[in-house]
Amino acid sequence: MRKLLLIVLLFNSVSWLHAQDETVKKLQADSDRKIAKDANDTAQMTWKTGGVFNLNIAQGSLSNWSAGGDKFSLALNSLLSTYAFYQKGRHHWDNTLDLNLGYMNTTSLGTRKNDDRIDLVSKYAYDIGKKWDVGALFNFRSQILKGYDYNDSSNTLTSQFLSPAYVLLSPGVTYKPVKSFSVFVSPVTARWTIVMNDSLSARGAYGVDSSKHVKTEFGAFATVNFFKEFSKSISFKSRADFYSNYLHNPQNIDVYWTNLLTMKLGKLFAINYALDLIYDDDARLFGPDRESARPQIRSMLGIGLSYRFSNR
């Protein structure tokens, strides 16, 4: 009887230890397991945010150089381009902000600004078809720091923050045949030209009446946007704005065209080429008498740091 009891107790002990061992293994397995969220249990993200920061630096120096040139030159250019896109159902709200700032320093010319821009675009739209939507667009453009026209004898102030600044409000229709290309058209657009600097407004700069700070215009507006990623390392972005003032010389169309070609070199470096063209019929700062409007062209090639960020 004793032997039988010992055998039963031994069997129960082995069974209990085996059960405990399996329990421990299961707990270990559960602790090592990665928990993934079920996509069906979470709401679709309505905001998509991100951007890119570029910093380009170029430096040169000459010593006893027979061909001539500045002994020292240094150029520093930066770009911060951010976006915040909202989408829910047929509603879209797209926001972009571009900030450019660049300086150059040479032995003969000293330090000068060679790039400066603030460009904010906000557009609300409601889909009315696969390729069409209706909505309204808001655009604010200005610069950050003072700009000068450099003469041999003196420097003349030509711009600063809010001098000029352009504010545009435009209801219209968008046609988007493909993901990379869209056209927005508005036949009823209000635009305000702002010149807050007293000396510039006194001269009637940028089309404002002498000693006035704001000029109101009414006209037609169109903007064409293109963005294409040709590969993981090459992308191209282009935007062209056209504005015609119904109230004054409607045939003289203002043009604002920006282009940026980016070629990545690894994760943190890139080659960037930017080409901008502006024609503003009211920016009559050129010619012998500084009373003519001219196409304004900026071309810049740089290599440097490039960092992208997003919430996805």
Protein backbone atom coordinates (compact mmCIF):
# COMPACT_ATOMS: atom_id res chain seq x y z
CA MET A 1 0.00 0.00 0.00
CA ARG A 2 2.86 2.36 0.85
CA LYS A 3 4.56 1.64 -2.47
CA LEU A 4 1.33 2.37 -4.35
CA LEU A 5 0.91 5.65 -2.49
CA LEU A 6 4.50 6.70 -3.24
CA ILE A 7 4.01 5.92 -6.94
CA VAL A 8 0.83 8.05 -7.07
CA LEU A 9 2.52 10.97 -5.29
CA LEU A 10 5.56 10.76 -7.59
CA PHE A 11 3.33 10.74 -10.70
CA ASN A 12 1.36 13.77 -9.48
CA SER A 13 4.58 15.64 -8.72
CA VAL A 14 6.00 15.02 -12.20
CA SER A 15 2.72 16.06 -13.80
CA TRP A 16 2.59 19.26 -11.73
CA LEU A 17 6.20 20.16 -12.58
CA HIS A 18 5.52 19.54 -16.28
CA ALA A 19 2.44 21.77 -16.16
CA GLN A 20 4.42 24.51 -14.44
CA ASP A 21 7.18 24.22 -17.06
CA GLU A 22 4.63 24.59 -19.88
CA THR A 23 3.08 27.59 -18.12
CA VAL A 24 6.48 29.29 -17.80
CA LYS A 25 7.25 28.63 -21.47
CA LYS A 26 3.90 30.11 -22.48
CA LEU A 27 4.50 33.21 -20.38
CA GLN A 28 7.95 33.65 -21.94
CA ALA A 29 6.52 33.27 -25.42
CA ASP A 30 3.79 35.81 -24.67
CA SER A 31 6.32 38.29 -23.36
CA ASP A 32 8.49 37.99 -26.49
CA ARG A 33 5.59 38.31 -28.91
CA LYS A 34 5.25 41.62 -30.78
CA ILE A 35 1.78 43.10 -30.53
CA ALA A 36 0.47 44.64 -33.79
CA LYS A 37 -2.55 46.89 -33.97
CA ASP A 38 -5.45 45.75 -36.06
CA ALA A 39 -5.92 48.28 -38.86
CA ASN A 40 -9.67 47.84 -38.61
CA ASP A 41 -9.61 48.99 -34.98
CA THR A 42 -8.06 52.41 -35.71
CA ALA A 43 -9.49 55.40 -37.54
CA GLN A 44 -7.81 56.53 -40.75
CA MET A 45 -5.27 59.32 -40.20
CA THR A 46 -6.71 62.60 -41.54
CA TRP A 47 -3.56 64.75 -41.24
CA LYS A 48 -0.33 64.14 -43.13
CA THR A 49 2.56 66.43 -42.18
CA GLY A 50 6.23 66.66 -43.05
CA GLY A 51 8.79 68.52 -45.11
CA VAL A 52 12.42 68.85 -46.12
CA PHE A 53 15.33 70.98 -44.92
CA ASN A 54 18.24 71.74 -47.26
CA LEU A 55 21.48 73.49 -46.32
CA ASN A 56 24.03 74.18 -49.08
CA ILE A 57 27.51 75.62 -48.49
CA ALA A 58 30.08 76.65 -51.11
CA GLN A 59 33.51 78.10 -50.35
CA GLY A 60 36.40 79.20 -52.57
CA SER A 61 39.76 80.90 -52.16
CA LEU A 62 42.50 82.17 -54.49
CA SER A 63 46.15 82.94 -53.92
CA ASN A 64 48.38 84.43 -56.64
CA TRP A 65 45.77 83.38 -59.20
CA SER A 66 46.76 84.86 -62.58
CA ALA A 67 43.23 84.67 -64.00
CA GLY A 68 42.00 86.96 -61.22
CA GLY A 69 39.00 86.74 -58.95
CA ASP A 70 38.02 87.20 -55.33
CA LYS A 71 40.54 85.93 -52.81
CA PHE A 72 37.76 84.45 -50.70
CA SER A 73 34.10 83.59 -51.28
CA LEU A 74 31.53 81.83 -49.14
CA ALA A 75 27.87 81.12 -49.95
CA LEU A 76 25.30 79.69 -47.56
CA ASN A 77 21.77 78.85 -48.72
CA SER A 78 18.95 77.19 -46.80
CA LEU A 79 15.47 75.95 -47.65
CA LEU A 80 12.74 74.76 -45.32
CA SER A 81 9.71 73.36 -47.16
CA THR A 82 6.88 72.02 -44.97
CA TYR A 83 3.39 70.72 -45.60
CA ALA A 84 0.22 69.79 -43.69
CA PHE A 85 -2.47 67.97 -45.67
CA TYR A 86 -5.92 67.16 -44.31
CA GLN A 87 -8.33 64.73 -45.96
CA LYS A 88 -11.63 63.32 -44.78
CA GLY A 89 -14.21 62.06 -47.20
CA ARG A 90 -14.51 64.57 -50.00
CA HIS A 91 -12.95 67.39 -47.98
CA HIS A 92 -9.32 68.43 -48.58
CA TRP A 93 -7.27 71.14 -46.88
CA ASP A 94 -3.71 71.47 -48.20
CA ASN A 95 -1.14 73.78 -46.60
CA THR A 96 2.46 74.41 -47.68
CA LEU A 97 5.09 76.81 -46.33
CA ASP A 98 8.43 77.50 -48.06
CA LEU A 99 11.17 79.53 -46.37
CA ASN A 100 14.35 80.40 -48.29
CA LEU A 101 17.31 82.37 -46.95
CA GLY A 102 20.78 82.71 -48.42
CA TYR A 103 23.87 84.86 -47.94
CA MET A 104 27.15 85.20 -49.76
CA ASN A 105 30.42 86.84 -48.75
CA THR A 106 33.26 87.83 -51.09
CA THR A 107 36.43 89.83 -50.60
CA SER A 108 35.42 92.58 -53.03
CA LEU A 109 31.67 92.82 -52.36
CA GLY A 110 31.37 91.97 -48.68
CA THR A 111 28.25 90.21 -47.33
CA ARG A 112 25.04 90.29 -49.35
CA LYS A 113 21.72 88.49 -49.35
CA ASN A 114 21.22 86.28 -52.41
CA ASP A 115 17.97 84.50 -51.51
CA ASP A 116 15.01 85.41 -49.31
CA ARG A 117 11.43 84.19 -49.55
CA ILE A 118 8.32 83.42 -47.50
CA ASP A 119 5.61 81.58 -49.42
CA LEU A 120 2.49 80.26 -47.68
CA VAL A 121 -0.30 78.53 -49.62
CA SER A 122 -3.51 77.23 -48.05
CA LYS A 123 -6.24 75.64 -50.15
CA TYR A 124 -9.56 74.11 -49.17
CA ALA A 125 -11.35 71.91 -51.73
CA TYR A 126 -14.39 69.69 -52.02
CA ASP A 127 -14.38 66.85 -54.55
CA ILE A 128 -17.14 67.01 -57.16
CA GLY A 129 -15.74 64.25 -59.37
CA LYS A 130 -12.77 62.00 -59.96
CA LYS A 131 -10.73 64.82 -61.52
CA TRP A 132 -12.48 67.98 -60.29
CA ASP A 133 -12.93 69.90 -57.06
CA VAL A 134 -14.17 73.34 -56.01
CA GLY A 135 -12.79 75.47 -53.22
CA ALA A 136 -10.75 78.53 -52.29
CA LEU A 137 -7.02 79.33 -52.24
CA PHE A 138 -5.09 81.71 -49.96
CA ASN A 139 -1.53 82.79 -50.71
CA PHE A 140 0.89 85.01 -48.75
CA ARG A 141 4.31 85.96 -50.13
CA SER A 142 7.00 88.21 -48.68
CA GLN A 143 10.62 88.11 -47.51
CA ILE A 144 12.37 87.92 -44.15
CA LEU A 145 15.21 90.48 -44.19
CA LYS A 146 16.05 93.79 -45.84
CA GLY A 147 17.20 93.84 -49.46
CA TYR A 148 19.34 96.47 -51.18
CA ASP A 149 20.29 97.65 -54.65
CA TYR A 150 24.06 97.93 -54.43
CA ASN A 151 25.62 100.92 -56.23
CA ASP A 152 29.22 102.06 -56.40
CA SER A 153 28.56 104.99 -54.08
CA SER A 154 25.59 103.91 -51.94
CA ASN A 155 23.12 101.12 -51.20
CA THR A 156 19.41 101.70 -51.78
CA LEU A 157 16.78 99.84 -49.79
CA THR A 158 14.47 97.88 -52.12
CA SER A 159 12.60 95.49 -49.83
CA GLN A 160 12.06 94.18 -46.32
CA PHE A 161 9.49 92.12 -44.41
CA LEU A 162 5.98 93.16 -45.56
CA SER A 163 7.53 95.52 -48.13
CA PRO A 164 6.38 94.16 -50.40
CA ALA A 165 3.99 91.42 -49.37
CA TYR A 166 1.31 89.87 -51.54
CA VAL A 167 -1.95 88.48 -50.18
CA LEU A 168 -4.25 86.63 -52.58
CA LEU A 169 -7.70 85.16 -51.98
CA SER A 170 -9.14 83.14 -54.83
CA PRO A 171 -12.25 80.91 -55.10
CA GLY A 172 -12.07 78.55 -58.04
CA VAL A 173 -12.04 75.11 -59.65
CA THR A 174 -9.22 72.54 -59.77
CA TYR A 175 -8.64 70.02 -62.54
CA LYS A 176 -6.37 67.11 -61.59
CA PRO A 177 -6.13 64.51 -64.38
CA VAL A 178 -3.23 62.65 -62.69
CA LYS A 179 -1.75 62.61 -59.22
CA SER A 180 1.35 64.61 -60.19
CA PHE A 181 -0.35 67.46 -62.09
CA SER A 182 -3.12 69.96 -61.27
CA VAL A 183 -4.52 73.26 -62.59
CA PHE A 184 -6.47 75.74 -60.43
CA VAL A 185 -8.45 78.50 -62.21
CA SER A 186 -10.36 81.45 -60.74
CA PRO A 187 -12.01 84.27 -62.72
CA VAL A 188 -12.72 86.26 -59.52
CA THR A 189 -9.61 86.88 -57.43
CA ALA A 190 -8.74 89.63 -54.96
CA ARG A 191 -5.09 90.54 -54.44
CA TRP A 192 -3.54 93.02 -52.02
CA THR A 193 -0.04 94.47 -52.40
CA ILE A 194 1.37 95.62 -49.06
CA VAL A 195 4.30 98.05 -48.62
CA MET A 196 4.65 98.91 -44.93
CA ASN A 197 8.03 100.69 -45.20
CA ASP A 198 7.40 104.46 -45.27
CA SER A 199 10.26 105.34 -47.63
CA LEU A 200 9.25 102.68 -50.16
CA SER A 201 5.56 103.58 -50.00
CA ALA A 202 6.42 107.28 -50.42
CA ARG A 203 8.11 106.38 -53.72
CA GLY A 204 5.06 104.39 -54.80
CA ALA A 205 7.13 101.20 -54.96
CA TYR A 206 5.51 97.97 -56.19
CA GLY A 207 2.50 99.80 -57.61
CA VAL A 208 1.02 101.27 -54.41
CA ASP A 209 -0.14 104.88 -54.54
CA SER A 210 2.43 107.31 -53.17
CA SER A 211 2.46 107.26 -49.34
CA LYS A 212 -0.15 104.47 -49.28
CA HIS A 213 0.62 101.11 -47.73
CA VAL A 214 -1.93 98.83 -49.42
CA LYS A 215 -3.12 98.46 -52.99
CA THR A 216 -6.22 96.39 -53.79
CA GLU A 217 -6.62 94.62 -57.12
CA PHE A 218 -9.33 92.46 -58.67
CA GLY A 219 -8.65 90.02 -61.49
CA ALA A 220 -8.21 86.46 -62.73
CA PHE A 221 -5.80 83.90 -61.30
CA ALA A 222 -4.48 80.48 -62.33
CA THR A 223 -1.84 78.21 -60.84
CA VAL A 224 -0.28 75.08 -62.36
CA ASN A 225 1.43 72.55 -60.06
CA PHE A 226 3.60 69.58 -60.94
CA PHE A 227 5.45 67.16 -58.68
CA LYS A 228 7.10 63.95 -59.83
CA GLU A 229 9.39 61.43 -58.18
CA PHE A 230 11.20 59.83 -61.08
CA SER A 231 13.01 57.45 -58.74
CA LYS A 232 13.83 57.14 -55.03
CA SER A 233 16.68 59.64 -55.51
CA ILE A 234 15.39 62.12 -58.15
CA SER A 235 12.36 64.42 -57.82
CA PHE A 236 11.14 67.58 -59.54
CA LYS A 237 8.66 70.20 -58.28
CA SER A 238 7.29 73.10 -60.31
CA ARG A 239 4.67 75.76 -59.69
CA ALA A 240 3.56 78.57 -62.02
CA ASP A 241 1.14 81.34 -60.93
CA PHE A 242 -0.51 83.75 -63.38
CA TYR A 243 -2.48 86.85 -62.43
CA SER A 244 -4.26 89.46 -64.58
CA ASN A 245 -5.52 92.69 -63.02
CA TYR A 246 -8.92 93.59 -64.51
CA LEU A 247 -8.62 97.19 -63.30
CA HIS A 248 -5.22 98.11 -64.83
CA ASN A 249 -3.42 96.73 -67.89
CA PRO A 250 -5.08 93.29 -67.84
CA GLN A 251 -2.93 92.25 -70.81
CA ASN A 252 0.23 92.54 -68.66
CA ILE A 253 0.08 89.22 -66.82
CA ASP A 254 2.12 88.79 -63.64
CA VAL A 255 4.05 85.51 -63.53
CA TYR A 256 5.54 83.70 -60.54
CA TRP A 257 7.30 80.45 -61.51
CA THR A 258 9.42 78.27 -59.21
CA ASN A 259 11.25 75.02 -59.99
CA LEU A 260 13.28 72.67 -57.80
CA LEU A 261 15.17 69.59 -58.97
CA THR A 262 16.55 67.34 -56.20
CA MET A 263 18.98 64.43 -56.57
CA LYS A 264 19.71 62.54 -53.36
CA LEU A 265 23.21 61.38 -52.46
CA GLY A 266 22.59 58.88 -49.70
CA LYS A 267 20.31 59.61 -46.76
CA LEU A 268 21.61 63.02 -45.67
CA PHE A 269 23.04 64.72 -48.76
CA ALA A 270 21.60 65.95 -52.04
CA ILE A 271 22.23 68.08 -55.11
CA ASN A 272 19.61 70.82 -55.58
CA TYR A 273 18.99 73.04 -58.58
CA ALA A 274 16.47 75.88 -58.23
CA LEU A 275 15.24 78.13 -61.03
CA ASP A 276 12.79 80.97 -60.29
CA LEU A 277 11.25 83.47 -62.70
CA ILE A 278 9.14 86.44 -61.64
CA TYR A 279 7.49 89.12 -63.75
CA ASP A 280 5.54 91.72 -61.79
CA ASP A 281 4.25 94.58 -63.92
CA ASP A 282 4.10 96.80 -60.83
CA ALA A 283 7.72 96.16 -59.78
CA ARG A 284 9.13 99.01 -61.89
CA LEU A 285 12.61 99.14 -60.40
CA PHE A 286 14.72 98.52 -63.51
CA GLY A 287 16.10 100.36 -66.51
CA PRO A 288 18.09 103.62 -66.71
CA ASP A 289 15.37 105.57 -64.90
CA ARG A 290 14.28 102.69 -62.65
CA GLU A 291 10.76 102.88 -64.04
CA SER A 292 10.58 99.65 -66.03
CA ALA A 293 9.38 96.15 -65.20
CA ARG A 294 11.73 93.31 -66.14
CA PRO A 295 11.74 89.50 -65.80
CA GLN A 296 13.50 88.56 -62.57
CA ILE A 297 15.48 85.32 -62.77
CA ARG A 298 17.22 83.40 -60.00
CA SER A 299 19.25 80.26 -60.67
CA MET A 300 21.03 78.33 -57.95
CA LEU A 301 22.93 75.03 -57.89
CA GLY A 302 24.10 73.57 -54.62
CA ILE A 303 25.18 70.41 -52.84
CA GLY A 304 24.75 69.88 -49.14
CA LEU A 305 22.72 68.52 -46.27
CA SER A 306 19.16 67.38 -47.00
CA TYR A 307 16.86 66.02 -44.30
CA ARG A 308 13.27 64.84 -44.80
CA PHE A 309 10.71 64.35 -42.04
CA SER A 310 7.06 63.27 -41.84
CA ASN A 311 4.49 61.75 -39.49
CA ARG A 312 4.24 58.61 -41.63
